[in-house]
């Protein structure tokens, strides 16, 4: 797991629409970068839907949500469409981003809260899918 206070590693990855995103695109904004094992699995779907259901609160808190898994752009597109996910899912089939953020490993679920200066301010190592959104929103009350 990456250390608190370190610069978040730069990345470039395609989203569910095939559009490239880079960490630099989010300079000056809060980012929740969450890693999950696979699209359309029970835990990952529960986590994504809980983030979706709390999305307006993330917007109010000024947090951009970026989900990452090794699934393809096509898989992410189907997943985002089926569950009406309003946030970006990044495809990382070569696991470059996953490895850079030390989120590799069988069924590993980890998230990082990145501040507007691009620093990691919180790492969530043992994410509980249905509680994660509330935990991050609670932390955001104290993060600013």
Protein backbone atom coordinates (compact mmCIF):
# COMPACT_ATOMS: atom_id res chain seq x y z
CA UNK A 1 0.00 0.00 0.00
CA UNK A 2 1.29 3.48 -0.84
CA UNK A 3 2.21 5.78 2.02
CA UNK A 4 0.13 8.73 3.18
CA UNK A 5 1.67 12.05 2.13
CA UNK A 6 3.36 10.70 -0.99
CA UNK A 7 2.62 11.92 -4.49
CA UNK A 8 0.06 9.75 -6.23
CA UNK A 9 1.66 7.95 -9.20
CA UNK A 10 0.83 9.46 -12.59
CA UNK A 11 -1.27 7.34 -14.92
CA UNK A 12 -3.03 7.25 -18.26
CA UNK A 13 -5.91 4.83 -18.85
CA UNK A 14 -9.02 4.52 -21.00
CA UNK A 15 -12.49 4.85 -19.52
CA UNK A 16 -15.67 2.93 -20.37
CA UNK A 17 -16.16 5.16 -23.43
CA UNK A 18 -12.59 4.75 -24.70
CA UNK A 19 -11.54 8.25 -23.59
CA UNK A 20 -8.09 8.61 -22.02
CA UNK A 21 -7.81 9.96 -18.48
CA UNK A 22 -4.63 11.03 -16.71
CA UNK A 23 -4.17 11.90 -13.06
CA UNK A 24 -3.00 15.35 -14.23
CA UNK A 25 -6.52 15.93 -15.60
CA UNK A 26 -7.71 16.10 -12.00
CA UNK A 27 -5.12 18.52 -10.61
CA UNK A 28 -6.76 20.86 -8.14
CA UNK A 29 -9.54 18.36 -7.32
CA UNK A 30 -10.11 15.64 -4.76
CA UNK A 31 -10.07 12.13 -6.25
CA UNK A 32 -11.24 8.82 -4.86
CA UNK A 33 -9.28 6.25 -6.83
CA UNK A 34 -10.83 2.90 -6.04
CA UNK A 35 -9.56 -0.46 -7.22
CA UNK A 36 -11.85 -3.46 -7.46
CA UNK A 37 -11.34 -7.02 -8.71
CA UNK A 38 -13.96 -7.47 -11.48
CA UNK A 39 -17.04 -6.01 -13.12
CA UNK A 40 -20.35 -7.75 -12.39
CA UNK A 41 -19.28 -9.67 -9.30
CA UNK A 42 -21.42 -9.38 -6.16
CA UNK A 43 -19.00 -7.36 -4.01
CA UNK A 44 -17.84 -5.10 -6.81
CA UNK A 45 -21.39 -4.42 -7.92
CA UNK A 46 -22.43 -3.62 -4.34
CA UNK A 47 -19.52 -1.21 -3.96
CA UNK A 48 -20.18 0.52 -7.29
CA UNK A 49 -23.91 0.84 -6.58
CA UNK A 50 -23.26 2.25 -3.10
CA UNK A 51 -20.92 4.85 -4.62
CA UNK A 52 -23.59 5.55 -7.26
CA UNK A 53 -26.30 5.96 -4.62
CA UNK A 54 -24.13 8.48 -2.75
CA UNK A 55 -22.79 10.19 -5.87
CA UNK A 56 -24.51 13.53 -5.24
CA UNK A 57 -22.81 13.72 -1.83
CA UNK A 58 -19.43 13.09 -3.46
CA UNK A 59 -20.13 15.91 -5.92
CA UNK A 60 -21.10 18.22 -3.04
CA UNK A 61 -17.86 17.28 -1.24
CA UNK A 62 -15.90 18.03 -4.42
CA UNK A 63 -14.71 14.45 -4.94
CA UNK A 64 -14.24 12.84 -8.36
CA UNK A 65 -14.68 9.05 -8.31
CA UNK A 66 -12.48 6.90 -10.54
CA UNK A 67 -12.92 3.13 -10.44
CA UNK A 68 -10.16 0.85 -11.72
CA UNK A 69 -10.04 -2.84 -12.56
CA UNK A 70 -8.23 -5.01 -15.09
CA UNK A 71 -11.44 -5.47 -17.07
CA UNK A 72 -11.68 -4.13 -20.63
CA UNK A 73 -13.24 -0.92 -21.89
CA UNK A 74 -16.13 -2.98 -23.30
CA UNK A 75 -16.71 -4.75 -19.97
CA UNK A 76 -16.66 -1.41 -18.13
CA UNK A 77 -19.11 0.07 -20.62
CA UNK A 78 -21.58 -2.79 -20.06
CA UNK A 79 -21.12 -2.62 -16.27
CA UNK A 80 -21.57 1.18 -16.12
CA UNK A 81 -24.62 1.03 -18.40
CA UNK A 82 -26.32 -1.87 -16.62
CA UNK A 83 -25.98 -0.28 -13.18
CA UNK A 84 -26.27 3.37 -14.34
CA UNK A 85 -22.93 4.33 -12.85
CA UNK A 86 -22.40 8.10 -13.16
CA UNK A 87 -18.63 7.99 -12.57
CA UNK A 88 -15.59 6.96 -14.58
CA UNK A 89 -14.31 3.39 -14.72
CA UNK A 90 -10.75 2.97 -15.96
CA UNK A 91 -9.66 -0.14 -17.83
CA UNK A 92 -6.26 -1.48 -16.82
CA UNK A 93 -5.92 -4.85 -18.59
CA UNK A 94 -2.11 -4.74 -18.41
CA UNK A 95 -2.34 -3.89 -14.67
CA UNK A 96 0.12 -1.00 -14.94
CA UNK A 97 -2.04 1.31 -12.83
CA UNK A 98 -2.98 -1.50 -10.45
CA UNK A 99 0.69 -2.33 -9.83
CA UNK A 100 1.72 1.34 -9.51
CA UNK A 101 -0.82 1.73 -6.71
CA UNK A 102 0.06 -1.62 -5.11
CA UNK A 103 -3.49 -2.85 -5.64
CA UNK A 104 -2.54 -6.12 -7.28
CA UNK A 105 -3.32 -9.44 -5.72
CA UNK A 106 -6.17 -11.88 -5.86
CA UNK A 107 -9.47 -10.10 -5.17
CA UNK A 108 -7.74 -7.04 -3.71
CA UNK A 109 -10.00 -4.09 -3.00
CA UNK A 110 -8.15 -0.89 -2.08
CA UNK A 111 -8.84 2.83 -2.45
CA UNK A 112 -6.89 6.04 -2.18
CA UNK A 113 -8.14 9.52 -1.40
CA UNK A 114 -5.97 12.00 -3.30
CA UNK A 115 -5.99 15.70 -2.42
CA UNK A 116 -5.99 18.60 -4.90
CA UNK A 117 -2.17 18.77 -4.71
CA UNK A 118 -1.98 15.16 -5.95
CA UNK A 119 -0.95 13.65 -2.62
CA UNK A 120 -2.36 10.54 -1.03
CA UNK A 121 -4.10 11.62 2.17
CA UNK A 122 -5.90 8.38 3.01
CA UNK A 123 -5.51 4.75 2.00
CA UNK A 124 -8.34 2.28 2.50
CA UNK A 125 -6.80 -1.17 2.63
CA UNK A 126 -9.72 -3.32 3.74
CA UNK A 127 -12.70 -1.89 1.90
CA UNK A 128 -16.14 -3.16 2.84
CA UNK A 129 -18.21 -2.70 -0.35
CA UNK A 130 -21.45 -1.46 1.24
CA UNK A 131 -19.72 0.81 3.79
CA UNK A 132 -16.99 2.38 1.68
CA UNK A 133 -18.93 5.39 0.39
CA UNK A 134 -19.99 6.43 3.89
CA UNK A 135 -16.44 5.99 5.20
CA UNK A 136 -14.95 8.24 2.49
CA UNK A 137 -17.66 10.89 2.89
CA UNK A 138 -17.04 10.93 6.65
CA UNK A 139 -13.31 11.39 6.04
CA UNK A 140 -13.99 14.23 3.62
CA UNK A 141 -15.64 16.22 6.41
CA UNK A 142 -12.25 16.37 8.12
CA UNK A 143 -9.99 16.42 5.07
CA UNK A 144 -10.55 19.97 3.95
